[in-house]
C-alpha atoms as a PDB file:
ATOM      1  CA  MET A   1       0.443   0.024   0.176  1.00  0.00           C
ATOM      2  CA  ALA A   2       1.101   3.943  -0.880  1.00  0.00           C
ATOM      3  CA  SER A   3       2.430   5.929   1.930  1.00  0.00           C
ATOM      4  CA  LYS A   4       0.829   8.919   2.547  1.00  0.00           C
ATOM      5  CA  HIS A   5       4.186  10.259   0.766  1.00  0.00           C
ATOM      6  CA  GLU A   6       4.171   8.842  -1.682  1.00  0.00           C
ATOM      7  CA  THR A   7       0.879   9.140  -2.988  1.00  0.00           C
ATOM      8  CA  SER A   8       0.922  13.224  -2.155  1.00  0.00           C
ATOM      9  CA  ALA A   9       3.766  12.654  -4.469  1.00  0.00           C
ATOM     10  CA  ARG A  10       2.324  11.462  -7.061  1.00  0.00           C
ATOM     11  CA  ARG A  11      -0.753  14.183  -6.834  1.00  0.00           C
ATOM     12  CA  ARG A  12       1.839  16.751  -7.077  1.00  0.00           C
ATOM     13  CA  ARG A  13       2.972  14.945 -10.864  1.00  0.00           C
ATOM     14  CA  ARG A  14      -0.665  14.110 -11.952  1.00  0.00           C
ATOM     15  CA  LEU A  15      -1.552  18.467 -11.174  1.00  0.00           C
ATOM     16  CA  SER A  16       1.800  19.154 -13.051  1.00  0.00           C
ATOM     17  CA  LEU A  17       1.198  17.530 -15.844  1.00  0.00           C
ATOM     18  CA  VAL A  18      -2.315  19.015 -15.941  1.00  0.00           C
ATOM     19  CA  ALA A  19      -0.506  22.662 -15.875  1.00  0.00           C
ATOM     20  CA  MET A  20       2.190  21.706 -18.986  1.00  0.00           C
ATOM     21  CA  TYR A  21      -0.245  20.582 -21.104  1.00  0.00           C
ATOM     22  CA  LEU A  22      -2.197  24.053 -20.421  1.00  0.00           C
ATOM     23  CA  PRO A  23      -0.541  25.344 -23.192  1.00  0.00           C
ATOM     24  CA  GLY A  24      -1.774  23.109 -26.051  1.00  0.00           C
ATOM     25  CA  VAL A  25      -5.236  23.151 -24.916  1.00  0.00           C
ATOM     26  CA  VAL A  26      -5.507  26.472 -25.744  1.00  0.00           C
ATOM     27  CA  LEU A  27      -3.104  26.926 -28.689  1.00  0.00           C
ATOM     28  CA  ALA A  28      -3.572  23.742 -30.904  1.00  0.00           C
ATOM     29  CA  PRO A  29      -7.194  25.030 -31.270  1.00  0.00           C
ATOM     30  CA  ALA A  30      -6.916  28.427 -31.806  1.00  0.00           C
ATOM     31  CA  VAL A  31      -4.512  26.853 -35.093  1.00  0.00           C
ATOM     32  CA  VAL A  32      -7.039  25.256 -36.231  1.00  0.00           C
ATOM     33  CA  ALA A  33      -9.878  27.602 -36.518  1.00  0.00           C
ATOM     34  CA  GLY A  34      -7.047  30.336 -37.921  1.00  0.00           C
ATOM     35  CA  ALA A  35      -6.602  27.834 -40.709  1.00  0.00           C
ATOM     36  CA  ALA A  36     -10.076  27.262 -40.567  1.00  0.00           C
ATOM     37  CA  ALA A  37     -10.672  30.402 -41.833  1.00  0.00           C
ATOM     38  CA  MET A  38      -8.417  31.386 -43.458  1.00  0.00           C
ATOM     39  CA  ALA A  39      -9.413  28.537 -45.957  1.00  0.00           C
ATOM     40  CA  GLY A  40     -12.812  29.682 -45.693  1.00  0.00           C
ATOM     41  CA  TYR A  41     -13.822  27.534 -42.946  1.00  0.00           C
ATOM     42  CA  GLY A  42     -14.731  28.247 -38.978  1.00  0.00           C
ATOM     43  CA  PRO A  43     -17.431  31.151 -37.733  1.00  0.00           C
ATOM     44  CA  ARG A  44     -18.211  34.321 -40.348  1.00  0.00           C
ATOM     45  CA  TRP A  45     -16.702  36.630 -38.352  1.00  0.00           C
ATOM     46  CA  LEU A  46     -12.731  35.444 -38.954  1.00  0.00           C
ATOM     47  CA  ARG A  47     -13.155  34.962 -42.292  1.00  0.00           C
ATOM     48  CA  ARG A  48     -14.473  37.631 -42.813  1.00  0.00           C
ATOM     49  CA  ARG A  49     -11.110  39.461 -41.420  1.00  0.00           C
ATOM     50  CA  ARG A  50      -8.358  37.423 -43.423  1.00  0.00           C
ATOM     51  CA  LEU A  51      -5.467  39.052 -41.772  1.00  0.00           C
ATOM     52  CA  THR A  52      -6.571  38.114 -38.562  1.00  0.00           C
ATOM     53  CA  ALA A  53      -6.777  34.917 -38.712  1.00  0.00           C
ATOM     54  CA  ALA A  54      -3.593  34.609 -40.417  1.00  0.00           C
ATOM     55  CA  LEU A  55      -2.451  35.972 -37.548  1.00  0.00           C
ATOM     56  CA  LEU A  56      -4.180  34.508 -35.366  1.00  0.00           C
ATOM     57  CA  THR A  57      -2.688  31.108 -37.358  1.00  0.00           C
ATOM     58  CA  ALA A  58       0.860  32.004 -37.765  1.00  0.00           C
ATOM     59  CA  GLY A  59       1.261  33.296 -33.542  1.00  0.00           C
ATOM     60  CA  THR A  60      -0.492  30.657 -31.917  1.00  0.00           C
ATOM     61  CA  ALA A  61       1.417  28.213 -34.278  1.00  0.00           C
ATOM     62  CA  ALA A  62       5.270  29.935 -33.267  1.00  0.00           C
ATOM     63  CA  ALA A  63       4.007  29.459 -29.483  1.00  0.00           C
ATOM     64  CA  LEU A  64       2.620  26.149 -30.126  1.00  0.00           C
ATOM     65  CA  ALA A  65       6.813  25.751 -31.628  1.00  0.00           C
ATOM     66  CA  ARG A  66       7.540  26.925 -28.756  1.00  0.00           C
ATOM     67  CA  TRP A  67       6.253  24.770 -26.321  1.00  0.00           C
ATOM     68  CA  GLN A  68       7.451  21.456 -28.036  1.00  0.00           C
ATOM     69  CA  LEU A  69      10.870  22.971 -29.197  1.00  0.00           C
ATOM     70  CA  GLY A  70      11.813  24.635 -25.918  1.00  0.00           C
ATOM     71  CA  HIS A  71      15.686  23.296 -26.112  1.00  0.00           C
ATOM     72  CA  LEU A  72      16.034  26.184 -28.984  1.00  0.00           C
ATOM     73  CA  PHE A  73      15.395  28.704 -26.642  1.00  0.00           C
ATOM     74  CA  ILE A  74      17.481  27.967 -23.809  1.00  0.00           C
ATOM     75  CA  GLU A  75      21.131  28.511 -22.628  1.00  0.00           C
ATOM     76  CA  GLU A  76      22.882  25.024 -21.881  1.00  0.00           C
ATOM     77  CA  PRO A  77      26.575  24.798 -20.403  1.00  0.00           C
ATOM     78  CA  GLU A  78      28.710  25.343 -22.445  1.00  0.00           C
ATOM     79  CA  TYR A  79      31.658  22.505 -24.037  1.00  0.00           C
ATOM     80  CA  ASP A  80      33.537  21.456 -26.761  1.00  0.00           C
ATOM     81  CA  LEU A  81      33.074  18.255 -29.435  1.00  0.00           C
ATOM     82  CA  GLU A  82      35.903  17.161 -29.413  1.00  0.00           C
ATOM     83  CA  ARG A  83      34.823  14.237 -31.930  1.00  0.00           C
ATOM     84  CA  ARG A  84      31.962  11.852 -33.469  1.00  0.00           C
ATOM     85  CA  ILE A  85      32.580   7.913 -33.463  1.00  0.00           C
ATOM     86  CA  GLY A  86      29.308   6.790 -35.362  1.00  0.00           C
ATOM     87  CA  ASP A  87      26.550   7.584 -33.050  1.00  0.00           C
ATOM     88  CA  LEU A  88      28.754   8.773 -29.885  1.00  0.00           C
ATOM     89  CA  GLU A  89      29.530  12.550 -29.259  1.00  0.00           C
ATOM     90  CA  ILE A  90      32.973  13.227 -26.968  1.00  0.00           C
ATOM     91  CA  ARG A  91      32.411  16.504 -25.457  1.00  0.00           C
ATOM     92  CA  ARG A  92      34.146  18.333 -23.241  1.00  0.00           C
ATOM     93  CA  TYR A  93      31.915  19.974 -20.493  1.00  0.00           C
ATOM     94  CA  ARG A  94      33.234  23.632 -18.977  1.00  0.00           C
ATOM     95  CA  PRO A  95      33.645  24.426 -15.414  1.00  0.00           C
ATOM     96  CA  HIS A  96      30.657  26.222 -14.470  1.00  0.00           C
ATOM     97  CA  ALA A  97      29.095  26.792 -11.087  1.00  0.00           C
ATOM     98  CA  ILE A  98      26.216  24.489 -10.335  1.00  0.00           C
ATOM     99  CA  ALA A  99      22.892  24.538  -7.433  1.00  0.00           C
ATOM    100  CA  GLU A 100      22.540  21.060  -6.313  1.00  0.00           C
ATOM    101  CA  THR A 101      19.916  19.114  -2.683  1.00  0.00           C
ATOM    102  CA  SER A 102      19.814  15.917  -1.983  1.00  0.00           C
ATOM    103  CA  VAL A 103      16.974  13.683  -2.158  1.00  0.00           C
ATOM    104  CA  GLU A 104      15.661  11.076   0.068  1.00  0.00           C
ATOM    105  CA  ALA A 105      12.692   9.301  -2.763  1.00  0.00           C
ATOM    106  CA  ALA A 106      11.039   5.739  -2.921  1.00  0.00           C
ATOM    107  CA  SER A 107      11.169   5.853  -6.958  1.00  0.00           C
ATOM    108  CA  TRP A 108      13.187   7.783  -9.835  1.00  0.00           C
ATOM    109  CA  GLU A 109      10.347   9.953 -10.865  1.00  0.00           C
ATOM    110  CA  ASP A 110       9.604  10.815  -7.107  1.00  0.00           C
ATOM    111  CA  ALA A 111      12.915  12.658  -7.291  1.00  0.00           C
ATOM    112  CA  ILE A 112      13.312  14.310 -10.304  1.00  0.00           C
ATOM    113  CA  ASP A 113      10.308  16.448  -9.365  1.00  0.00           C
ATOM    114  CA  GLU A 114      10.930  16.609  -5.978  1.00  0.00           C
ATOM    115  CA  GLY A 115      14.355  17.652  -6.827  1.00  0.00           C
ATOM    116  CA  PHE A 116      13.513  19.549  -9.420  1.00  0.00           C
ATOM    117  CA  ARG A 117      10.624  21.916  -7.458  1.00  0.00           C
ATOM    118  CA  ARG A 118      13.294  22.540  -4.666  1.00  0.00           C
ATOM    119  CA  LEU A 119      15.759  23.885  -7.285  1.00  0.00           C
ATOM    120  CA  ALA A 120      13.224  25.797  -8.949  1.00  0.00           C
ATOM    121  CA  ARG A 121      12.021  27.623  -5.452  1.00  0.00           C
ATOM    122  CA  TYR A 122      15.699  28.638  -5.659  1.00  0.00           C
ATOM    123  CA  ILE A 123      16.323  30.060  -9.237  1.00  0.00           C
ATOM    124  CA  PHE A 124      12.942  31.790  -9.019  1.00  0.00           C
ATOM    125  CA  GLY A 125      13.640  33.953  -6.194  1.00  0.00           C
ATOM    126  CA  ALA A 126      13.138  32.083  -2.429  1.00  0.00           C
ATOM    127  CA  ASN A 127      17.417  32.838  -2.603  1.00  0.00           C
ATOM    128  CA  GLU A 128      18.831  35.362   0.275  1.00  0.00           C
ATOM    129  CA  ARG A 129      18.740  38.277  -2.490  1.00  0.00           C
ATOM    130  CA  THR A 130      15.454  36.852  -4.074  1.00  0.00           C
ATOM    131  CA  GLN A 131      17.078  36.850  -7.539  1.00  0.00           C
ATOM    132  CA  THR A 132      15.793  35.442 -10.533  1.00  0.00           C
ATOM    133  CA  ILE A 133      17.639  33.682 -12.000  1.00  0.00           C
ATOM    134  CA  ALA A 134      17.567  32.260 -15.312  1.00  0.00           C
ATOM    135  CA  MET A 135      16.667  28.011 -16.192  1.00  0.00           C
ATOM    136  CA  THR A 136      19.282  25.657 -18.351  1.00  0.00           C
ATOM    137  CA  ALA A 137      18.910  22.904 -20.083  1.00  0.00           C
ATOM    138  CA  PRO A 138      19.413  19.969 -19.843  1.00  0.00           C
ATOM    139  CA  VAL A 139      18.017  18.107 -17.183  1.00  0.00           C
ATOM    140  CA  THR A 140      20.080  15.490 -15.942  1.00  0.00           C
ATOM    141  CA  ALA A 141      19.051  12.188 -14.057  1.00  0.00           C
ATOM    142  CA  ARG A 142      21.779   9.502 -12.576  1.00  0.00           C
ATOM    143  CA  PRO A 143      21.439   6.986 -10.292  1.00  0.00           C
ATOM    144  CA  ALA A 144      25.547   7.402  -8.358  1.00  0.00           C
ATOM    145  CA  ARG A 145      27.260   4.570  -6.052  1.00  0.00           C
ATOM    146  CA  GLU A 146      28.864   7.603  -4.905  1.00  0.00           C
ATOM    147  CA  ARG A 147      29.349  11.161  -4.881  1.00  0.00           C
ATOM    148  CA  LEU A 148      30.735  12.715  -8.114  1.00  0.00           C
ATOM    149  CA  ALA A 149      30.983  16.822  -9.245  1.00  0.00           C
ATOM    150  CA  MET A 150      28.042  17.483 -12.645  1.00  0.00           C
ATOM    151  CA  THR A 151      28.226  19.521 -14.799  1.00  0.00           C
ATOM    152  CA  ALA A 152      24.542  19.275 -15.863  1.00  0.00           C
ATOM    153  CA  PRO A 153      21.677  21.725 -16.234  1.00  0.00           C
ATOM    154  CA  VAL A 154      19.719  19.620 -13.961  1.00  0.00           C
ATOM    155  CA  ALA A 155      20.948  15.878 -12.212  1.00  0.00           C
ATOM    156  CA  SER A 156      19.870  13.342 -10.329  1.00  0.00           C
ATOM    157  CA  ARG A 157      21.834  10.408  -8.728  1.00  0.00           C
ATOM    158  CA  ARG A 158      20.861   8.339  -6.316  1.00  0.00           C
ATOM    159  CA  ASP A 159      23.104   7.975  -3.730  1.00  0.00           C
ATOM    160  CA  ALA A 160      23.120   6.433  -0.187  1.00  0.00           C
ATOM    161  CA  GLY A 161      20.348   8.062   0.910  1.00  0.00           C
ATOM    162  CA  GLY A 162      18.762   8.755  -2.185  1.00  0.00           C
ATOM    163  CA  TYR A 163      18.966  11.095  -5.484  1.00  0.00           C
ATOM    164  CA  VAL A 164      21.196  13.907  -5.854  1.00  0.00           C
ATOM    165  CA  VAL A 165      19.332  16.702  -7.720  1.00  0.00           C
ATOM    166  CA  THR A 166      21.531  19.612  -9.592  1.00  0.00           C
ATOM    167  CA  PHE A 167      20.686  22.550 -11.514  1.00  0.00           C
ATOM    168  CA  ALA A 168      23.403  24.445 -13.907  1.00  0.00           C
ATOM    169  CA  MET A 169      23.813  28.516 -13.694  1.00  0.00           C
ATOM    170  CA  PRO A 170      23.778  30.434 -16.755  1.00  0.00           C
ATOM    171  CA  LYS A 171      27.338  31.429 -18.047  1.00  0.00           C
ATOM    172  CA  SER A 172      26.142  34.552 -16.529  1.00  0.00           C
ATOM    173  CA  ARG A 173      26.433  33.923 -13.170  1.00  0.00           C
ATOM    174  CA  PRO A 174      29.406  32.385 -11.524  1.00  0.00           C
ATOM    175  CA  LEU A 175      30.061  30.982  -8.226  1.00  0.00           C
ATOM    176  CA  GLU A 176      30.922  33.972  -6.777  1.00  0.00           C
ATOM    177  CA  SER A 177      27.867  35.908  -8.197  1.00  0.00           C
ATOM    178  CA  LEU A 178      25.533  33.325  -7.328  1.00  0.00           C
ATOM    179  CA  PRO A 179      22.865  34.680  -4.035  1.00  0.00           C
ATOM    180  CA  ARG A 180      22.764  32.332  -0.924  1.00  0.00           C
ATOM    181  CA  PRO A 181      19.294  29.238  -1.008  1.00  0.00           C
ATOM    182  CA  LYS A 182      16.316  30.405   1.779  1.00  0.00           C
ATOM    183  CA  ASP A 183      16.236  25.965   1.744  1.00  0.00           C
ATOM    184  CA  PRO A 184      19.312  24.734   3.485  1.00  0.00           C
ATOM    185  CA  ARG A 185      19.027  21.621   1.814  1.00  0.00           C
ATOM    186  CA  VAL A 186      19.877  23.662  -1.573  1.00  0.00           C
ATOM    187  CA  ARG A 187      23.991  23.649  -1.912  1.00  0.00           C
ATOM    188  CA  VAL A 188      25.830  26.326  -4.244  1.00  0.00           C
ATOM    189  CA  LEU A 189      29.258  25.310  -5.711  1.00  0.00           C
ATOM    190  CA  GLN A 190      31.549  24.515  -8.941  1.00  0.00           C
ATOM    191  CA  ALA A 191      31.784  21.608 -10.991  1.00  0.00           C
ATOM    192  CA  PRO A 192      34.906  20.557 -12.769  1.00  0.00           C
ATOM    193  CA  GLU A 193      35.527  20.342 -16.030  1.00  0.00           C
ATOM    194  CA  ARG A 194      34.478  16.727 -17.529  1.00  0.00           C
ATOM    195  CA  ARG A 195      34.757  14.693 -20.169  1.00  0.00           C
ATOM    196  CA  VAL A 196      31.561  12.694 -21.786  1.00  0.00           C
ATOM    197  CA  ALA A 197      29.930   9.938 -23.496  1.00  0.00           C
ATOM    198  CA  VAL A 198      27.069  11.239 -25.450  1.00  0.00           C
ATOM    199  CA  LEU A 199      24.489   9.206 -27.041  1.00  0.00           C
ATOM    200  CA  ARG A 200      21.423  11.256 -28.715  1.00  0.00           C
ATOM    201  CA  TYR A 201      17.735  10.138 -29.057  1.00  0.00           C
ATOM    202  CA  ARG A 202      13.976  10.619 -29.019  1.00  0.00           C
ATOM    203  CA  GLY A 203      11.464   9.066 -26.342  1.00  0.00           C
ATOM    204  CA  THR A 204      10.760   9.471 -22.023  1.00  0.00           C
ATOM    205  CA  TYR A 205      11.753   9.762 -19.725  1.00  0.00           C
ATOM    206  CA  ARG A 206      10.493   7.234 -17.911  1.00  0.00           C
ATOM    207  CA  ALA A 207      13.565   4.353 -16.339  1.00  0.00           C
ATOM    208  CA  ARG A 208      12.631   1.093 -18.493  1.00  0.00           C
ATOM    209  CA  ARG A 209      13.563   3.799 -21.364  1.00  0.00           C
ATOM    210  CA  THR A 210      16.238   5.323 -20.243  1.00  0.00           C
ATOM    211  CA  GLU A 211      18.305   1.816 -19.223  1.00  0.00           C
ATOM    212  CA  GLU A 212      17.803   0.916 -22.416  1.00  0.00           C
ATOM    213  CA  ARG A 213      19.946   3.769 -23.864  1.00  0.00           C
ATOM    214  CA  GLN A 214      22.508   3.829 -21.242  1.00  0.00           C
ATOM    215  CA  ALA A 215      23.357   0.393 -21.620  1.00  0.00           C
ATOM    216  CA  ALA A 216      23.942   1.383 -25.743  1.00  0.00           C
ATOM    217  CA  LEU A 217      26.030   3.720 -24.296  1.00  0.00           C
ATOM    218  CA  LEU A 218      28.041   1.868 -22.773  1.00  0.00           C
ATOM    219  CA  ALA A 219      28.433  -0.925 -24.786  1.00  0.00           C
ATOM    220  CA  GLN A 220      29.379   1.759 -27.592  1.00  0.00           C
ATOM    221  CA  VAL A 221      31.961   3.825 -25.080  1.00  0.00           C
ATOM    222  CA  ARG A 222      33.686   0.185 -24.547  1.00  0.00           C
ATOM    223  CA  ALA A 223      33.311  -0.848 -28.494  1.00  0.00           C
ATOM    224  CA  ALA A 224      35.000   2.584 -28.693  1.00  0.00           C
ATOM    225  CA  GLY A 225      37.788   2.019 -26.743  1.00  0.00           C
ATOM    226  CA  LEU A 226      37.130   4.403 -24.175  1.00  0.00           C
ATOM    227  CA  GLU A 227      37.088   3.802 -20.338  1.00  0.00           C
ATOM    228  CA  PRO A 228      33.275   5.067 -18.704  1.00  0.00           C
ATOM    229  CA  THR A 229      34.535   6.406 -15.116  1.00  0.00           C
ATOM    230  CA  GLY A 230      31.172   7.083 -13.655  1.00  0.00           C
ATOM    231  CA  VAL A 231      27.523   5.928 -14.359  1.00  0.00           C
ATOM    232  CA  PRO A 232      25.085   6.779 -17.041  1.00  0.00           C
ATOM    233  CA  GLU A 233      22.537   9.379 -16.394  1.00  0.00           C
ATOM    234  CA  LEU A 234      19.544  11.307 -18.632  1.00  0.00           C
ATOM    235  CA  ALA A 235      19.983  14.278 -19.832  1.00  0.00           C
ATOM    236  CA  GLY A 236      16.613  15.602 -20.973  1.00  0.00           C
ATOM    237  CA  TYR A 237      16.521  19.071 -23.023  1.00  0.00           C
ATOM    238  CA  ASP A 238      11.931  18.719 -22.927  1.00  0.00           C
ATOM    239  CA  ALA A 239       9.405  19.476 -20.851  1.00  0.00           C
ATOM    240  CA  PRO A 240       7.518  15.966 -20.153  1.00  0.00           C
ATOM    241  CA  SER A 241       5.289  17.565 -22.560  1.00  0.00           C
ATOM    242  CA  THR A 242       6.614  17.964 -24.872  1.00  0.00           C
ATOM    243  CA  ILE A 243       5.543  14.916 -27.593  1.00  0.00           C
ATOM    244  CA  PRO A 244       8.305  12.231 -26.928  1.00  0.00           C
ATOM    245  CA  LEU A 245       9.032  12.012 -30.634  1.00  0.00           C
ATOM    246  CA  LEU A 246       9.794  15.646 -30.366  1.00  0.00           C
ATOM    247  CA  ARG A 247      11.758  15.806 -27.315  1.00  0.00           C
ATOM    248  CA  ARG A 248      16.089  15.818 -27.767  1.00  0.00           C
ATOM    249  CA  VAL A 249      17.071  13.210 -25.048  1.00  0.00           C
ATOM    250  CA  GLU A 250      21.090  12.010 -24.552  1.00  0.00           C
ATOM    251  CA  ALA A 251      22.502   9.636 -22.319  1.00  0.00           C
ATOM    252  CA  TRP A 252      25.548  10.670 -21.111  1.00  0.00           C
ATOM    253  CA  VAL A 253      28.965   9.259 -19.172  1.00  0.00           C
ATOM    254  CA  SER A 254      31.699  10.549 -17.993  1.00  0.00           C
ATOM    255  CA  ILE A 255      34.995   9.286 -19.670  1.00  0.00           C
ATOM    256  CA  ALA A 256      38.629   8.992 -18.536  1.00  0.00           C
ATOM    257  CA  SER A 257      40.557  12.064 -20.593  1.00  0.00           C
ATOM    258  CA  ARG A 258      42.904  11.588 -23.173  1.00  0.00           C
ATOM    259  CA  ALA A 259      46.556  10.862 -22.155  1.00  0.00           C
ATOM    260  CA  ALA A 260      49.043  13.678 -22.579  1.00  0.00           C
END
C-alpha cells in the first residue's frame, strides 16, 4: 500500500502535468480555427477578417512550436566537441557553477520531481537576495554509487540516501555572483571540467527507456575503447509536456581524459 508521501508525490506530478499541457489545450484549437478561417471554414466573423485569421494562425503556431521545442530557446552549458565515433559524441564540458540538493525518494520520478521543485524555487527567488536566475537545459538524472561532481544543468543521482538533483547556472552567473539559498537543503558549488560520451535519442524520461539507452551507450563506449569513469545519466532537454517524438534526450557517461 502506498504511503501518504508517495500518494502526495503522485498527486503533485499529475497536477504538474495538467498545468504543463494547458498551453496545448489553448493553442492547438486556435491554430486550427485560424487555418480553417483562411480556408473559408469556421466562424463567419473570422472568415471575414483574413488578416486576423493569418495573425492568429502564425502567432499561435509559433507559440505552440516554442512550447514543444523549448530546448531550441534555452541556454546550455558550454562544451567543446572533441570528435564523433559513430553515434557517439565526445564532449568536454567547461567548469561552471551549479546548485544541487539531496533527495530521498521511493522512485526515480519522485526524486526528480522533488529535487526539481526545490531548485526551481531557488532560481525563481527563494534566495537571500530574492533574485531570479535564468533556467538552462538539459535536465540530467543519474543514479550513482559515489559522490561525483555534476556538470549538467539539472542532474539527479542516487546516493546513499536517495538522489542528488542539480541545476547548472547560466554562464553569466559565476559561483561568486550567486545568492545563498533560503532552503538549507540546496547547495551552490563549482563543477569542474568534465569529459563526457553522449548518445542522442528521442523518447520518454522513464526508467525503462533510460536504462535501455544507457546500456547502449556503455556498449558503444567500450567498443570505441573508451573508459567510463562514472555511471550513465539521463539528459533531457524538453519538458515532460513535449511529445516524446520531439524531445531531445541524451544518455551521458563520464570518460577518462586522454593521455597527455
